[in-house]
Amino acid sequence: MNRFILFLTTIGLALGVAGCSVTSDDVSPTRNCPGNFSLTLIEQLKQKPKQTPAAEVTQYTYQGRTVFLVTGGSPAAYAYLFDNCGNVVCAAAGGPTGQGDGACSDFATTATSPTLIWRDPR
């Protein structure tokens, strides 16, 4: 558990430096995995100020599991990938290089079945 908190703190610090629009404080994993984190994720994003471009949540299949990619905000913002329990898988894109954090560098080429499930209408 301490390693997870350290991981989230590290991501939060990195996001603060990079000017990211979604941080670990903004999106929290659920304690008891409900199996559909997208609803929680969308509700948490609705509580944030409007972003330009608008925040979007897209569902993919990646490495055999359902994941959710959050995009929007500054072009330099990380696009975080969450699993179905709300855990951060990686930053799939964005950041200083535009290539994410490198933890899932194969996402763009191996993720399948993209489905836009929410776009901030504000």
Protein backbone atom coordinates (compact mmCIF):
# COMPACT_ATOMS: atom_id res chain seq x y z
CA MET A 1 0.00 0.00 0.00
CA ASN A 2 2.87 2.39 0.83
CA ARG A 3 4.38 1.76 -2.63
CA PHE A 4 1.04 2.67 -4.24
CA ILE A 5 0.83 5.92 -2.24
CA LEU A 6 4.43 6.71 -3.18
CA PHE A 7 3.59 5.99 -6.85
CA LEU A 8 0.58 8.33 -6.77
CA THR A 9 2.60 11.02 -5.01
CA THR A 10 5.35 10.73 -7.64
CA ILE A 11 2.78 11.03 -10.43
CA GLY A 12 1.18 14.00 -8.70
CA LEU A 13 4.53 15.77 -8.46
CA ALA A 14 5.37 15.01 -12.09
CA LEU A 15 2.00 16.28 -13.22
CA GLY A 16 2.39 19.46 -11.23
CA VAL A 17 5.69 20.16 -12.97
CA ALA A 18 4.31 19.28 -16.41
CA GLY A 19 1.12 21.32 -15.96
CA CYS A 20 -1.11 18.29 -16.40
CA SER A 21 -4.83 18.75 -16.14
CA VAL A 22 -5.57 15.38 -14.48
CA THR A 23 -3.71 14.42 -11.31
CA SER A 24 -3.88 11.57 -8.86
CA ASP A 25 -5.77 13.91 -6.52
CA ASP A 26 -8.42 14.49 -9.18
CA VAL A 27 -9.14 10.85 -10.00
CA SER A 28 -9.17 8.30 -7.20
CA PRO A 29 -9.20 4.53 -7.56
CA THR A 30 -12.08 2.73 -5.91
CA ARG A 31 -11.27 0.64 -2.86
CA ASN A 32 -13.48 -2.31 -3.78
CA CYS A 33 -13.22 -2.69 -7.51
CA PRO A 34 -16.78 -2.29 -8.86
CA GLY A 35 -15.77 -3.46 -12.33
CA ASN A 36 -16.93 -0.26 -14.04
CA PHE A 37 -14.65 2.57 -13.01
CA SER A 38 -15.72 4.66 -16.00
CA LEU A 39 -18.79 5.97 -14.17
CA THR A 40 -16.70 7.09 -11.20
CA LEU A 41 -14.09 8.59 -13.52
CA ILE A 42 -16.69 10.62 -15.43
CA GLU A 43 -18.28 11.91 -12.22
CA GLN A 44 -14.86 13.00 -10.95
CA LEU A 45 -14.07 14.77 -14.23
CA LYS A 46 -17.43 16.60 -14.11
CA GLN A 47 -16.36 18.15 -10.80
CA LYS A 48 -13.30 19.76 -12.42
CA PRO A 49 -13.36 23.05 -14.32
CA LYS A 50 -13.98 22.83 -18.07
CA GLN A 51 -10.86 22.01 -20.05
CA THR A 52 -9.84 23.14 -23.53
CA PRO A 53 -9.88 20.94 -25.49
CA ALA A 54 -12.73 19.21 -23.70
CA ALA A 55 -12.03 16.21 -21.49
CA GLU A 56 -12.85 12.84 -23.06
CA VAL A 57 -12.94 9.29 -21.76
CA THR A 58 -12.34 6.58 -24.35
CA GLN A 59 -12.61 2.88 -23.56
CA TYR A 60 -10.11 0.46 -25.12
CA THR A 61 -9.05 -3.15 -24.82
CA TYR A 62 -5.36 -3.24 -23.94
CA GLN A 63 -3.39 -6.34 -22.97
CA GLY A 64 -6.64 -8.27 -22.68
CA ARG A 65 -8.34 -5.90 -20.26
CA THR A 66 -10.72 -2.95 -20.39
CA VAL A 67 -8.99 0.40 -19.87
CA PHE A 68 -10.03 4.04 -20.03
CA LEU A 69 -7.94 6.81 -21.60
CA VAL A 70 -8.53 10.35 -20.33
CA THR A 71 -7.60 13.14 -22.73
CA GLY A 72 -8.18 16.88 -22.80
CA GLY A 73 -6.67 20.03 -21.44
CA SER A 74 -3.27 21.37 -22.33
CA PRO A 75 -1.48 19.71 -25.26
CA ALA A 76 1.42 19.03 -22.87
CA ALA A 77 -0.90 17.25 -20.39
CA TYR A 78 -0.42 13.55 -19.86
CA ALA A 79 -3.23 11.32 -21.17
CA TYR A 80 -3.68 8.82 -18.36
CA LEU A 81 -4.80 5.25 -18.85
CA PHE A 82 -6.84 3.73 -16.00
CA ASP A 83 -7.81 0.11 -15.48
CA ASN A 84 -11.36 -0.95 -14.64
CA CYS A 85 -10.65 -0.51 -10.90
CA GLY A 86 -9.29 3.03 -11.23
CA ASN A 87 -5.60 2.27 -11.00
CA VAL A 88 -3.28 4.26 -13.24
CA VAL A 89 -1.77 1.92 -15.83
CA CYS A 90 0.43 4.59 -17.40
CA ALA A 91 0.47 7.94 -19.13
CA ALA A 92 -0.14 6.72 -22.66
CA ALA A 93 0.56 10.06 -24.35
CA GLY A 94 1.35 13.69 -23.66
CA GLY A 95 3.91 15.16 -21.32
CA PRO A 96 7.07 16.99 -22.34
CA THR A 97 7.86 14.60 -25.20
CA GLY A 98 4.28 13.87 -26.25
CA GLN A 99 5.05 10.16 -25.80
CA GLY A 100 3.67 9.74 -22.28
CA ASP A 101 5.71 8.22 -19.48
CA GLY A 102 6.98 5.24 -21.52
CA ALA A 103 5.29 2.67 -19.27
CA CYS A 104 2.97 1.50 -22.05
CA SER A 105 4.78 2.59 -25.19
CA ASP A 106 2.92 -0.07 -27.21
CA PHE A 107 -0.53 1.33 -26.37
CA ALA A 108 -1.00 3.23 -29.64
CA THR A 109 -0.18 0.17 -31.72
CA THR A 110 -1.78 -2.61 -29.68
CA ALA A 111 -4.89 -1.12 -28.04
CA THR A 112 -8.10 -2.14 -29.81
CA SER A 113 -11.83 -1.36 -29.85
CA PRO A 114 -11.73 2.37 -29.07
CA THR A 115 -15.13 3.63 -27.95
CA LEU A 116 -15.70 7.23 -26.90
CA ILE A 117 -17.85 6.90 -23.81
CA TRP A 118 -17.92 10.52 -22.63
CA ARG A 119 -16.99 13.99 -23.86
CA ASP A 120 -17.45 16.98 -21.60
CA PRO A 121 -20.37 18.88 -23.18
CA ARG A 122 -19.70 22.16 -21.36
